[in-house]
């Protein structure tokens, strides 16, 4: 069974025309399917629901073999979030942005993602229709981040040679603090890059 990777996409700069197109694409998502499939957004013309349900199509256009939404909204500051198999749906976000670029070539969006382990976590910052910057941390790096941030844990709390915590209290503390550290790290990265893009538009003129 594939590891679930949770992802969250937020739009930080998008005009009304692109929002309307995004809403139109959200409206294509079937409510009577087993899940609210990401791939449903791309059903148009010769591209059918039956076609987008095939793994071959999702591998090529979305990235993971399946990806679905848990929540999505096109008003105000649009967003969507959900689950994917093994990896984040970066290709699907880029495919979506290529369509929205026709309505707003200066879109700014971010995606944060976390493997359920977590074996890895990361974030992508998108400008227009491409990945502008990204980060990713594996499990060992997550441990280092939590220890560095913690007021309780130290480098002696985790035995890197044995790859285990020195006691249950240390492991429990790590588990209690881990997600706050991960969320702060990835979100702060995203906002630093988003603010840079907004403050330096001249760097992104074609």
N, C-alpha and C. Protein backbone atom coordinates (compact mmCIF):
# COMPACT_ATOMS: atom_id res chain seq x y z
N UNK A 1 0.83 -1.20 0.00
CA UNK A 1 0.00 0.00 0.00
C UNK A 1 0.87 1.25 0.00
N UNK A 2 0.52 2.19 -0.83
CA UNK A 2 1.32 3.41 -0.97
C UNK A 2 1.23 4.28 0.28
N UNK A 3 2.37 4.88 0.64
CA UNK A 3 2.34 5.90 1.68
C UNK A 3 1.53 7.10 1.21
N UNK A 4 0.72 7.64 2.11
CA UNK A 4 -0.03 8.84 1.78
C UNK A 4 0.84 10.06 2.01
N UNK A 5 0.81 10.98 1.07
CA UNK A 5 1.49 12.26 1.21
C UNK A 5 0.43 13.34 1.23
N UNK A 6 0.33 14.05 2.34
CA UNK A 6 -0.63 15.15 2.43
C UNK A 6 -0.02 16.40 1.79
N UNK A 7 -0.83 17.12 1.04
CA UNK A 7 -0.34 18.34 0.40
C UNK A 7 -1.37 19.46 0.56
N UNK A 8 -0.86 20.68 0.55
CA UNK A 8 -1.72 21.86 0.65
C UNK A 8 -1.20 22.93 -0.29
N UNK A 9 -2.06 23.38 -1.20
CA UNK A 9 -1.70 24.40 -2.19
C UNK A 9 -2.45 25.68 -1.88
N UNK A 10 -1.72 26.79 -1.82
CA UNK A 10 -2.32 28.10 -1.56
C UNK A 10 -1.91 29.08 -2.65
N UNK A 11 -2.88 29.90 -3.07
CA UNK A 11 -2.60 30.95 -4.05
C UNK A 11 -2.43 32.26 -3.30
N UNK A 12 -1.29 32.91 -3.53
CA UNK A 12 -0.97 34.15 -2.83
C UNK A 12 -1.12 35.37 -3.72
N UNK A 13 -1.20 35.15 -5.03
CA UNK A 13 -1.42 36.23 -5.99
C UNK A 13 -2.11 35.63 -7.21
N UNK A 14 -3.34 36.06 -7.45
CA UNK A 14 -4.12 35.53 -8.57
C UNK A 14 -5.25 36.51 -8.87
N UNK A 15 -5.46 36.84 -10.13
CA UNK A 15 -6.49 37.81 -10.46
C UNK A 15 -7.87 37.15 -10.59
N UNK A 16 -8.90 37.98 -10.78
CA UNK A 16 -10.27 37.48 -10.79
C UNK A 16 -10.54 36.55 -11.97
N UNK A 17 -9.95 36.84 -13.12
CA UNK A 17 -10.17 36.00 -14.30
C UNK A 17 -9.63 34.58 -14.06
N UNK A 18 -8.46 34.49 -13.46
CA UNK A 18 -7.88 33.17 -13.16
C UNK A 18 -8.69 32.46 -12.09
N UNK A 19 -9.23 33.21 -11.12
CA UNK A 19 -10.09 32.59 -10.10
C UNK A 19 -11.34 31.99 -10.73
N UNK A 20 -11.91 32.69 -11.69
CA UNK A 20 -13.10 32.18 -12.37
C UNK A 20 -12.78 30.89 -13.12
N UNK A 21 -11.63 30.86 -13.78
CA UNK A 21 -11.23 29.64 -14.48
C UNK A 21 -10.99 28.51 -13.49
N UNK A 22 -10.35 28.83 -12.36
CA UNK A 22 -10.11 27.82 -11.33
C UNK A 22 -11.43 27.27 -10.81
N UNK A 23 -12.39 28.14 -10.57
CA UNK A 23 -13.71 27.70 -10.10
C UNK A 23 -14.37 26.79 -11.13
N UNK A 24 -14.27 27.16 -12.38
CA UNK A 24 -14.83 26.32 -13.46
C UNK A 24 -14.20 24.93 -13.44
N UNK A 25 -12.90 24.87 -13.22
CA UNK A 25 -12.21 23.58 -13.20
C UNK A 25 -12.55 22.78 -11.94
N UNK A 26 -12.72 23.47 -10.81
CA UNK A 26 -13.17 22.78 -9.59
C UNK A 26 -14.56 22.16 -9.81
N UNK A 27 -15.39 22.85 -10.57
CA UNK A 27 -16.77 22.37 -10.80
C UNK A 27 -16.80 21.07 -11.60
N UNK A 28 -15.71 20.71 -12.23
CA UNK A 28 -15.66 19.45 -12.99
C UNK A 28 -15.44 18.24 -12.07
N UNK A 29 -15.06 18.48 -10.84
CA UNK A 29 -14.77 17.38 -9.91
C UNK A 29 -16.06 16.68 -9.53
N UNK A 30 -16.12 15.39 -9.75
CA UNK A 30 -17.34 14.61 -9.52
C UNK A 30 -17.58 14.39 -8.02
N UNK A 31 -18.81 14.62 -7.62
CA UNK A 31 -19.17 14.41 -6.22
C UNK A 31 -19.54 12.94 -5.95
N UNK A 32 -19.86 12.18 -7.01
CA UNK A 32 -20.31 10.80 -6.82
C UNK A 32 -19.20 9.78 -7.03
N UNK A 33 -17.95 10.25 -7.22
CA UNK A 33 -16.82 9.34 -7.37
C UNK A 33 -16.31 8.93 -5.98
N UNK A 34 -15.49 7.88 -5.89
CA UNK A 34 -14.97 7.44 -4.58
C UNK A 34 -14.19 8.54 -3.86
N UNK A 35 -13.50 9.38 -4.64
CA UNK A 35 -12.76 10.52 -4.09
C UNK A 35 -12.94 11.71 -5.02
N UNK A 36 -12.56 12.88 -4.54
CA UNK A 36 -12.58 14.09 -5.37
C UNK A 36 -11.24 14.18 -6.08
N UNK A 37 -11.15 13.49 -7.22
CA UNK A 37 -9.87 13.30 -7.90
C UNK A 37 -9.33 14.61 -8.46
N UNK A 38 -8.04 14.86 -8.22
CA UNK A 38 -7.34 16.00 -8.80
C UNK A 38 -7.48 15.98 -10.32
N UNK A 39 -7.36 14.81 -10.91
CA UNK A 39 -7.37 14.67 -12.37
C UNK A 39 -8.69 15.11 -13.00
N UNK A 40 -9.79 15.10 -12.23
CA UNK A 40 -11.08 15.52 -12.78
C UNK A 40 -11.05 16.95 -13.30
N UNK A 41 -10.20 17.78 -12.74
CA UNK A 41 -10.13 19.19 -13.15
C UNK A 41 -9.74 19.34 -14.61
N UNK A 42 -9.06 18.35 -15.16
CA UNK A 42 -8.52 18.47 -16.51
C UNK A 42 -9.40 17.80 -17.57
N UNK A 43 -10.60 17.37 -17.17
CA UNK A 43 -11.51 16.76 -18.13
C UNK A 43 -12.14 17.86 -18.97
N UNK A 44 -11.80 17.85 -20.23
CA UNK A 44 -12.30 18.87 -21.17
C UNK A 44 -12.00 18.41 -22.58
N UNK A 45 -12.92 18.65 -23.50
CA UNK A 45 -12.69 18.28 -24.89
C UNK A 45 -12.49 16.78 -25.05
N UNK A 46 -11.37 16.38 -25.63
CA UNK A 46 -11.08 14.97 -25.87
C UNK A 46 -10.61 14.23 -24.62
N UNK A 47 -10.35 14.95 -23.54
CA UNK A 47 -9.90 14.32 -22.30
C UNK A 47 -11.11 13.96 -21.45
N UNK A 48 -11.35 12.67 -21.25
CA UNK A 48 -12.54 12.19 -20.57
C UNK A 48 -12.21 11.73 -19.14
N UNK A 49 -13.25 11.55 -18.34
CA UNK A 49 -13.05 11.02 -16.99
C UNK A 49 -12.43 9.63 -17.04
N UNK A 50 -12.88 8.82 -17.98
CA UNK A 50 -12.34 7.46 -18.09
C UNK A 50 -10.84 7.49 -18.39
N UNK A 51 -10.43 8.45 -19.20
CA UNK A 51 -9.02 8.57 -19.55
C UNK A 51 -8.19 8.98 -18.34
N UNK A 52 -8.68 9.95 -17.59
CA UNK A 52 -7.89 10.48 -16.47
C UNK A 52 -7.86 9.54 -15.28
N UNK A 53 -8.73 8.51 -15.27
CA UNK A 53 -8.72 7.53 -14.19
C UNK A 53 -7.59 6.52 -14.33
N UNK A 54 -6.97 6.45 -15.48
CA UNK A 54 -5.92 5.46 -15.72
C UNK A 54 -4.60 5.92 -15.10
N UNK A 55 -3.88 4.97 -14.49
CA UNK A 55 -2.61 5.30 -13.87
C UNK A 55 -1.64 5.94 -14.86
N UNK A 56 -1.67 5.45 -16.11
CA UNK A 56 -0.74 6.00 -17.10
C UNK A 56 -0.94 7.50 -17.28
N UNK A 57 -2.21 7.93 -17.26
CA UNK A 57 -2.50 9.35 -17.44
C UNK A 57 -2.06 10.14 -16.21
N UNK A 58 -2.37 9.64 -15.02
CA UNK A 58 -2.02 10.39 -13.81
C UNK A 58 -0.51 10.44 -13.60
N UNK A 59 0.20 9.35 -13.93
CA UNK A 59 1.66 9.39 -13.83
C UNK A 59 2.23 10.51 -14.71
N UNK A 60 1.70 10.64 -15.91
CA UNK A 60 2.23 11.60 -16.87
C UNK A 60 1.84 13.04 -16.53
N UNK A 61 0.61 13.24 -16.05
CA UNK A 61 0.09 14.60 -15.90
C UNK A 61 0.01 15.11 -14.47
N UNK A 62 -0.11 14.21 -13.49
CA UNK A 62 -0.23 14.62 -12.09
C UNK A 62 1.05 14.32 -11.31
N UNK A 63 1.68 13.18 -11.64
CA UNK A 63 2.90 12.75 -10.94
C UNK A 63 2.65 11.46 -10.20
N UNK A 64 1.97 11.49 -9.03
CA UNK A 64 1.62 10.25 -8.33
C UNK A 64 0.57 9.45 -9.10
N UNK A 65 0.44 8.17 -8.77
CA UNK A 65 -0.53 7.33 -9.48
C UNK A 65 -1.96 7.68 -9.11
N UNK A 66 -2.16 8.31 -7.96
CA UNK A 66 -3.48 8.86 -7.61
C UNK A 66 -3.30 10.06 -6.71
N UNK A 67 -4.24 10.97 -6.80
CA UNK A 67 -4.23 12.17 -5.97
C UNK A 67 -5.65 12.70 -5.89
N UNK A 68 -6.10 12.99 -4.68
CA UNK A 68 -7.46 13.50 -4.53
C UNK A 68 -7.49 14.66 -3.54
N UNK A 69 -8.56 15.45 -3.63
CA UNK A 69 -8.73 16.61 -2.77
C UNK A 69 -9.58 16.26 -1.56
N UNK A 70 -9.24 16.84 -0.44
CA UNK A 70 -10.09 16.79 0.74
C UNK A 70 -10.92 18.06 0.86
N UNK A 71 -10.35 19.17 0.39
CA UNK A 71 -11.03 20.46 0.46
C UNK A 71 -10.49 21.36 -0.63
N UNK A 72 -11.33 22.24 -1.15
CA UNK A 72 -10.88 23.20 -2.17
C UNK A 72 -11.85 24.37 -2.22
N UNK A 73 -11.32 25.53 -2.62
CA UNK A 73 -12.12 26.74 -2.61
C UNK A 73 -11.49 27.73 -3.59
N UNK A 74 -12.31 28.40 -4.40
CA UNK A 74 -11.80 29.30 -5.42
C UNK A 74 -12.03 30.78 -5.10
N UNK A 75 -12.74 31.07 -4.01
CA UNK A 75 -13.04 32.46 -3.67
C UNK A 75 -11.94 33.04 -2.79
N UNK A 76 -11.89 34.38 -2.70
CA UNK A 76 -10.94 35.03 -1.80
C UNK A 76 -9.51 34.65 -2.12
N UNK A 77 -8.87 33.95 -1.21
CA UNK A 77 -7.54 33.39 -1.44
C UNK A 77 -7.69 31.90 -1.70
N UNK A 78 -7.72 31.50 -2.97
CA UNK A 78 -8.01 30.10 -3.32
C UNK A 78 -7.00 29.12 -2.73
N UNK A 79 -7.47 27.89 -2.52
CA UNK A 79 -6.60 26.85 -1.99
C UNK A 79 -7.19 25.49 -2.35
N UNK A 80 -6.38 24.46 -2.25
CA UNK A 80 -6.88 23.08 -2.23
C UNK A 80 -5.88 22.23 -1.48
N UNK A 81 -6.38 21.18 -0.85
CA UNK A 81 -5.50 20.27 -0.14
C UNK A 81 -6.02 18.85 -0.27
N UNK A 82 -5.15 17.88 -0.03
CA UNK A 82 -5.57 16.50 -0.19
C UNK A 82 -4.45 15.51 0.05
N UNK A 83 -4.60 14.34 -0.56
CA UNK A 83 -3.66 13.23 -0.38
C UNK A 83 -3.20 12.72 -1.74
N UNK A 84 -1.97 12.21 -1.76
CA UNK A 84 -1.41 11.62 -2.98
C UNK A 84 -0.60 10.39 -2.60
N UNK A 85 -0.28 9.57 -3.59
CA UNK A 85 0.48 8.34 -3.36
C UNK A 85 1.96 8.58 -3.54
N UNK A 86 2.72 8.36 -2.46
CA UNK A 86 4.18 8.33 -2.47
C UNK A 86 4.87 9.69 -2.61
N UNK A 87 4.29 10.62 -3.36
CA UNK A 87 4.96 11.90 -3.62
C UNK A 87 3.93 13.00 -3.83
N UNK A 88 4.32 14.26 -3.71
CA UNK A 88 3.36 15.35 -3.93
C UNK A 88 3.02 15.48 -5.42
N UNK A 89 1.85 16.04 -5.74
CA UNK A 89 1.42 16.16 -7.14
C UNK A 89 1.96 17.41 -7.81
N UNK A 90 3.28 17.57 -7.79
CA UNK A 90 3.90 18.78 -8.34
C UNK A 90 3.58 18.94 -9.82
N UNK A 91 3.64 17.86 -10.59
CA UNK A 91 3.35 17.94 -12.03
C UNK A 91 1.91 18.42 -12.26
N UNK A 92 0.99 17.97 -11.42
CA UNK A 92 -0.40 18.39 -11.57
C UNK A 92 -0.59 19.86 -11.28
N UNK A 93 0.13 20.37 -10.28
CA UNK A 93 0.03 21.80 -9.98
C UNK A 93 0.60 22.62 -11.14
N UNK A 94 1.73 22.20 -11.69
CA UNK A 94 2.30 22.91 -12.84
C UNK A 94 1.36 22.85 -14.03
N UNK A 95 0.72 21.71 -14.26
CA UNK A 95 -0.24 21.59 -15.37
C UNK A 95 -1.40 22.57 -15.17
N UNK A 96 -1.89 22.66 -13.94
CA UNK A 96 -2.96 23.60 -13.64
C UNK A 96 -2.51 25.03 -13.87
N UNK A 97 -1.31 25.37 -13.42
CA UNK A 97 -0.82 26.74 -13.57
C UNK A 97 -0.60 27.11 -15.03
N UNK A 98 -0.23 26.15 -15.86
CA UNK A 98 -0.07 26.44 -17.28
C UNK A 98 -1.41 26.89 -17.90
N UNK A 99 -2.50 26.31 -17.40
CA UNK A 99 -3.82 26.73 -17.88
C UNK A 99 -4.19 28.10 -17.31
N UNK A 100 -3.98 28.28 -16.02
CA UNK A 100 -4.34 29.55 -15.38
C UNK A 100 -3.47 30.71 -15.86
N UNK A 101 -2.25 30.40 -16.32
CA UNK A 101 -1.35 31.44 -16.81
C UNK A 101 -1.96 32.22 -17.96
N UNK A 102 -2.83 31.60 -18.73
CA UNK A 102 -3.48 32.30 -19.84
C UNK A 102 -4.37 33.43 -19.33
N UNK A 103 -4.77 33.37 -18.08
CA UNK A 103 -5.64 34.39 -17.48
C UNK A 103 -4.86 35.31 -16.53
N UNK A 104 -3.77 34.82 -15.98
CA UNK A 104 -2.94 35.61 -15.08
C UNK A 104 -1.51 35.07 -15.14
N UNK A 105 -0.62 35.73 -15.88
CA UNK A 105 0.76 35.23 -16.02
C UNK A 105 1.63 35.48 -14.80
N UNK A 106 1.08 36.14 -13.77
CA UNK A 106 1.89 36.49 -12.60
C UNK A 106 1.37 35.82 -11.33
N UNK A 107 0.80 34.65 -11.48
CA UNK A 107 0.31 33.90 -10.32
C UNK A 107 1.46 33.51 -9.40
N UNK A 108 1.21 33.59 -8.11
CA UNK A 108 2.14 33.06 -7.11
C UNK A 108 1.38 32.04 -6.28
N UNK A 109 1.94 30.86 -6.15
CA UNK A 109 1.30 29.79 -5.36
C UNK A 109 2.38 29.03 -4.60
N UNK A 110 1.95 28.34 -3.56
CA UNK A 110 2.87 27.50 -2.79
C UNK A 110 2.23 26.14 -2.54
N UNK A 111 3.06 25.14 -2.35
CA UNK A 111 2.59 23.82 -1.93
C UNK A 111 3.50 23.31 -0.83
N UNK A 112 2.92 22.96 0.31
CA UNK A 112 3.65 22.24 1.36
C UNK A 112 3.16 20.80 1.35
N UNK A 113 4.04 19.86 1.73
CA UNK A 113 3.65 18.46 1.71
C UNK A 113 4.41 17.68 2.77
N UNK A 114 3.76 16.61 3.25
CA UNK A 114 4.34 15.78 4.31
C UNK A 114 4.00 14.31 4.05
N UNK A 115 4.99 13.48 3.96
CA UNK A 115 4.79 12.04 3.94
C UNK A 115 4.28 11.59 5.31
N UNK A 116 3.42 10.57 5.34
CA UNK A 116 2.78 10.18 6.59
C UNK A 116 3.77 9.67 7.63
N UNK A 117 4.98 9.27 7.24
CA UNK A 117 5.96 8.73 8.17
C UNK A 117 6.32 9.63 9.34
N UNK A 118 6.89 10.82 9.12
CA UNK A 118 7.20 11.35 7.78
C UNK A 118 8.60 10.92 7.32
N UNK A 119 8.66 10.25 6.16
CA UNK A 119 9.95 9.95 5.56
C UNK A 119 10.57 11.19 4.94
N UNK A 120 9.72 12.14 4.57
CA UNK A 120 10.18 13.41 4.01
C UNK A 120 9.08 14.44 4.14
N UNK A 121 9.47 15.70 4.11
CA UNK A 121 8.53 16.83 4.04
C UNK A 121 9.16 17.86 3.13
N UNK A 122 8.35 18.78 2.62
CA UNK A 122 8.93 19.78 1.73
C UNK A 122 7.95 20.86 1.33
N UNK A 123 8.43 21.71 0.44
CA UNK A 123 7.59 22.81 -0.05
C UNK A 123 8.09 23.26 -1.41
N UNK A 124 7.15 23.68 -2.25
CA UNK A 124 7.45 24.28 -3.56
C UNK A 124 6.83 25.66 -3.61
N UNK A 125 7.54 26.59 -4.23
CA UNK A 125 7.00 27.92 -4.50
C UNK A 125 6.91 28.08 -6.01
N UNK A 126 5.72 28.41 -6.49
CA UNK A 126 5.48 28.53 -7.93
C UNK A 126 5.30 30.00 -8.32
N UNK A 127 5.91 30.37 -9.41
CA UNK A 127 5.62 31.67 -10.03
C UNK A 127 5.19 31.41 -11.46
N UNK A 128 4.10 31.99 -11.86
CA UNK A 128 3.55 31.76 -13.19
C UNK A 128 3.26 30.27 -13.36
N UNK A 129 4.00 29.57 -14.22
CA UNK A 129 3.73 28.15 -14.44
C UNK A 129 4.95 27.27 -14.21
N UNK A 130 5.81 27.70 -13.27
CA UNK A 130 6.98 26.87 -13.00
C UNK A 130 7.33 26.92 -11.51
N UNK A 131 8.12 25.92 -11.09
CA UNK A 131 8.61 25.89 -9.71
C UNK A 131 9.78 26.87 -9.61
N UNK A 132 9.59 27.91 -8.80
CA UNK A 132 10.63 28.93 -8.63
C UNK A 132 11.67 28.48 -7.62
N UNK A 133 11.24 27.97 -6.47
CA UNK A 133 12.16 27.47 -5.45
C UNK A 133 11.50 26.30 -4.73
N UNK A 134 12.31 25.43 -4.16
CA UNK A 134 11.75 24.30 -3.42
C UNK A 134 12.74 23.84 -2.36
N UNK A 135 12.22 23.18 -1.33
CA UNK A 135 13.04 22.54 -0.31
C UNK A 135 12.46 21.18 0.00
N UNK A 136 13.28 20.27 0.49
CA UNK A 136 12.79 18.98 0.96
C UNK A 136 13.75 18.46 2.03
N UNK A 137 13.18 17.89 3.09
CA UNK A 137 13.97 17.35 4.19
C UNK A 137 13.62 15.88 4.38
N UNK A 138 14.64 15.04 4.57
CA UNK A 138 14.38 13.64 4.87
C UNK A 138 14.23 13.47 6.39
N UNK A 139 13.99 12.25 6.83
CA UNK A 139 13.69 12.00 8.24
C UNK A 139 14.84 12.40 9.17
N UNK A 140 16.08 12.09 8.76
CA UNK A 140 17.22 12.46 9.59
C UNK A 140 17.33 13.98 9.74
N UNK A 141 17.05 14.70 8.68
CA UNK A 141 17.10 16.16 8.74
C UNK A 141 15.97 16.70 9.62
N UNK A 142 14.82 16.04 9.59
CA UNK A 142 13.71 16.45 10.46
C UNK A 142 14.11 16.30 11.93
N UNK A 143 14.74 15.18 12.25
CA UNK A 143 15.21 14.97 13.62
C UNK A 143 16.15 16.09 14.04
N UNK A 144 17.11 16.43 13.16
CA UNK A 144 18.05 17.51 13.48
C UNK A 144 17.33 18.84 13.69
N UNK A 145 16.32 19.12 12.87
CA UNK A 145 15.58 20.38 12.99
C UNK A 145 14.85 20.46 14.32
N UNK A 146 14.22 19.36 14.70
CA UNK A 146 13.45 19.34 15.95
C UNK A 146 14.38 19.50 17.15
N UNK A 147 15.50 18.79 17.15
CA UNK A 147 16.46 18.91 18.24
C UNK A 147 16.98 20.34 18.35
N UNK A 148 17.28 20.95 17.21
CA UNK A 148 17.80 22.32 17.22
C UNK A 148 16.78 23.31 17.78
N UNK A 149 15.51 23.07 17.50
CA UNK A 149 14.45 23.97 17.94
C UNK A 149 14.00 23.71 19.38
N UNK A 150 14.20 22.49 19.85
CA UNK A 150 13.64 22.05 21.13
C UNK A 150 14.35 22.66 22.33
N UNK A 151 13.57 22.93 23.37
CA UNK A 151 14.14 23.37 24.65
C UNK A 151 14.47 22.18 25.54
N UNK A 152 14.04 21.00 25.13
CA UNK A 152 14.22 19.79 25.95
C UNK A 152 15.23 18.82 25.34
N UNK A 153 15.12 18.58 24.05
CA UNK A 153 15.98 17.60 23.38
C UNK A 153 17.37 18.17 23.12
N UNK A 154 18.36 17.28 23.13
CA UNK A 154 19.75 17.65 22.79
C UNK A 154 20.27 16.63 21.78
N UNK A 155 21.48 16.86 21.29
CA UNK A 155 22.07 15.92 20.34
C UNK A 155 22.28 14.55 20.97
N UNK A 156 22.39 14.52 22.30
CA UNK A 156 22.56 13.24 23.00
C UNK A 156 21.23 12.48 23.14
N UNK A 157 20.12 13.14 22.78
CA UNK A 157 18.80 12.50 22.91
C UNK A 157 18.58 11.43 21.84
N UNK A 158 19.36 11.50 20.76
CA UNK A 158 19.16 10.57 19.65
C UNK A 158 20.50 9.95 19.26
N UNK A 159 20.54 8.63 19.23
CA UNK A 159 21.74 7.88 18.86
C UNK A 159 21.72 7.66 17.35
N UNK A 160 22.53 8.42 16.62
CA UNK A 160 22.50 8.33 15.16
C UNK A 160 23.06 7.01 14.65
N UNK A 161 24.00 6.44 15.38
CA UNK A 161 24.56 5.15 14.95
C UNK A 161 23.51 4.04 15.03
N UNK A 162 22.77 4.03 16.13
CA UNK A 162 21.74 3.02 16.32
C UNK A 162 20.40 3.44 15.71
N UNK A 163 20.31 4.73 15.33
CA UNK A 163 19.09 5.30 14.77
C UNK A 163 17.89 5.09 15.69
N UNK A 164 18.08 5.47 16.95
CA UNK A 164 16.99 5.35 17.91
C UNK A 164 17.15 6.39 19.01
N UNK A 165 16.01 6.72 19.64
CA UNK A 165 16.02 7.67 20.75
C UNK A 165 16.54 6.98 22.00
N UNK A 166 17.15 7.75 22.89
CA UNK A 166 17.79 7.16 24.06
C UNK A 166 16.76 6.61 25.05
N UNK A 167 15.54 7.16 25.04
CA UNK A 167 14.48 6.63 25.90
C UNK A 167 13.13 7.06 25.35
N UNK A 168 12.07 6.55 25.96
CA UNK A 168 10.71 6.85 25.48
C UNK A 168 10.36 8.31 25.68
N UNK A 169 10.84 8.93 26.73
CA UNK A 169 10.54 10.34 26.97
C UNK A 169 11.08 11.21 25.83
N UNK A 170 12.28 10.91 25.39
CA UNK A 170 12.87 11.68 24.29
C UNK A 170 12.07 11.49 23.00
N UNK A 171 11.67 10.24 22.72
CA UNK A 171 10.88 9.98 21.51
C UNK A 171 9.52 10.64 21.59
N UNK A 172 8.88 10.60 22.75
CA UNK A 172 7.58 11.24 22.92
C UNK A 172 7.68 12.75 22.73
N UNK A 173 8.74 13.35 23.25
CA UNK A 173 8.95 14.79 23.08
C UNK A 173 9.13 15.13 21.61
N UNK A 174 9.92 14.31 20.93
CA UNK A 174 10.11 14.52 19.49
C UNK A 174 8.78 14.47 18.75
N UNK A 175 7.97 13.46 19.03
CA UNK A 175 6.68 13.33 18.35
C UNK A 175 5.76 14.50 18.68
N UNK A 176 5.83 14.98 19.92
CA UNK A 176 4.97 16.11 20.32
C UNK A 176 5.37 17.40 19.61
N UNK A 177 6.66 17.58 19.36
CA UNK A 177 7.15 18.85 18.81
C UNK A 177 7.34 18.83 17.30
N UNK A 178 7.39 17.64 16.73
CA UNK A 178 7.79 17.48 15.33
C UNK A 178 6.95 18.28 14.35
N UNK A 179 5.63 18.15 14.40
CA UNK A 179 4.80 18.76 13.37
C UNK A 179 4.80 20.27 13.43
N UNK A 180 4.88 20.83 14.64
CA UNK A 180 4.97 22.29 14.75
C UNK A 180 6.24 22.80 14.10
N UNK A 181 7.35 22.10 14.32
CA UNK A 181 8.62 22.50 13.71
C UNK A 181 8.55 22.37 12.19
N UNK A 182 8.03 21.25 11.71
CA UNK A 182 7.91 21.04 10.26
C UNK A 182 7.04 22.12 9.63
N UNK A 183 5.88 22.37 10.21
CA UNK A 183 4.96 23.36 9.64
C UNK A 183 5.57 24.75 9.63
N UNK A 184 6.24 25.12 10.72
CA UNK A 184 6.89 26.44 10.77
C UNK A 184 7.99 26.54 9.73
N UNK A 185 8.79 25.49 9.60
CA UNK A 185 9.93 25.52 8.69
C UNK A 185 9.47 25.65 7.24
N UNK A 186 8.51 24.85 6.83
CA UNK A 186 8.08 24.88 5.43
C UNK A 186 7.28 26.14 5.12
N UNK A 187 6.42 26.56 6.07
CA UNK A 187 5.61 27.75 5.80
C UNK A 187 6.47 29.01 5.78
N UNK A 188 7.43 29.12 6.70
CA UNK A 188 8.31 30.29 6.70
C UNK A 188 9.13 30.36 5.41
N UNK A 189 9.58 29.21 4.93
CA UNK A 189 10.29 29.18 3.64
C UNK A 189 9.39 29.72 2.54
N UNK A 190 8.16 29.23 2.49
CA UNK A 190 7.22 29.67 1.45
C UNK A 190 7.00 31.18 1.50
N UNK A 191 6.74 31.71 2.69
CA UNK A 191 6.41 33.12 2.80
C UNK A 191 7.61 34.01 2.50
N UNK A 192 8.81 33.58 2.84
CA UNK A 192 10.00 34.35 2.49
C UNK A 192 10.13 34.46 0.97
N UNK A 193 9.90 33.36 0.27
CA UNK A 193 10.01 33.38 -1.19
C UNK A 193 8.87 34.16 -1.83
N UNK A 194 7.66 34.00 -1.31
CA UNK A 194 6.51 34.74 -1.83
C UNK A 194 6.74 36.24 -1.67
N UNK A 195 7.19 36.65 -0.50
CA UNK A 195 7.43 38.07 -0.26
C UNK A 195 8.53 38.61 -1.17
N UNK A 196 9.55 37.78 -1.42
CA UNK A 196 10.61 38.23 -2.33
C UNK A 196 10.05 38.48 -3.72
N UNK A 197 9.24 37.56 -4.21
CA UNK A 197 8.67 37.73 -5.55
C UNK A 197 7.82 38.99 -5.61
N UNK A 198 7.00 39.22 -4.60
CA UNK A 198 6.13 40.40 -4.59
C UNK A 198 6.93 41.70 -4.50
N UNK A 199 8.04 41.66 -3.77
CA UNK A 199 8.84 42.88 -3.56
C UNK A 199 9.83 43.15 -4.69
N UNK A 200 10.06 42.17 -5.56
CA UNK A 200 11.03 42.33 -6.65
C UNK A 200 10.41 41.92 -7.98
N UNK A 201 9.30 42.55 -8.37
CA UNK A 201 8.66 42.16 -9.64
C UNK A 201 9.53 42.32 -10.85
N UNK A 202 10.52 43.24 -10.76
CA UNK A 202 11.41 43.48 -11.90
C UNK A 202 12.25 42.24 -12.23
N UNK A 203 12.47 41.38 -11.23
CA UNK A 203 13.27 40.18 -11.46
C UNK A 203 12.49 39.12 -12.25
N UNK A 204 11.19 39.33 -12.41
CA UNK A 204 10.35 38.31 -13.03
C UNK A 204 9.68 38.80 -14.31
N UNK A 205 10.15 39.94 -14.80
CA UNK A 205 9.61 40.46 -16.06
C UNK A 205 10.20 39.69 -17.21
N UNK A 206 9.35 39.32 -18.15
CA UNK A 206 9.83 38.54 -19.32
C UNK A 206 10.32 39.49 -20.40
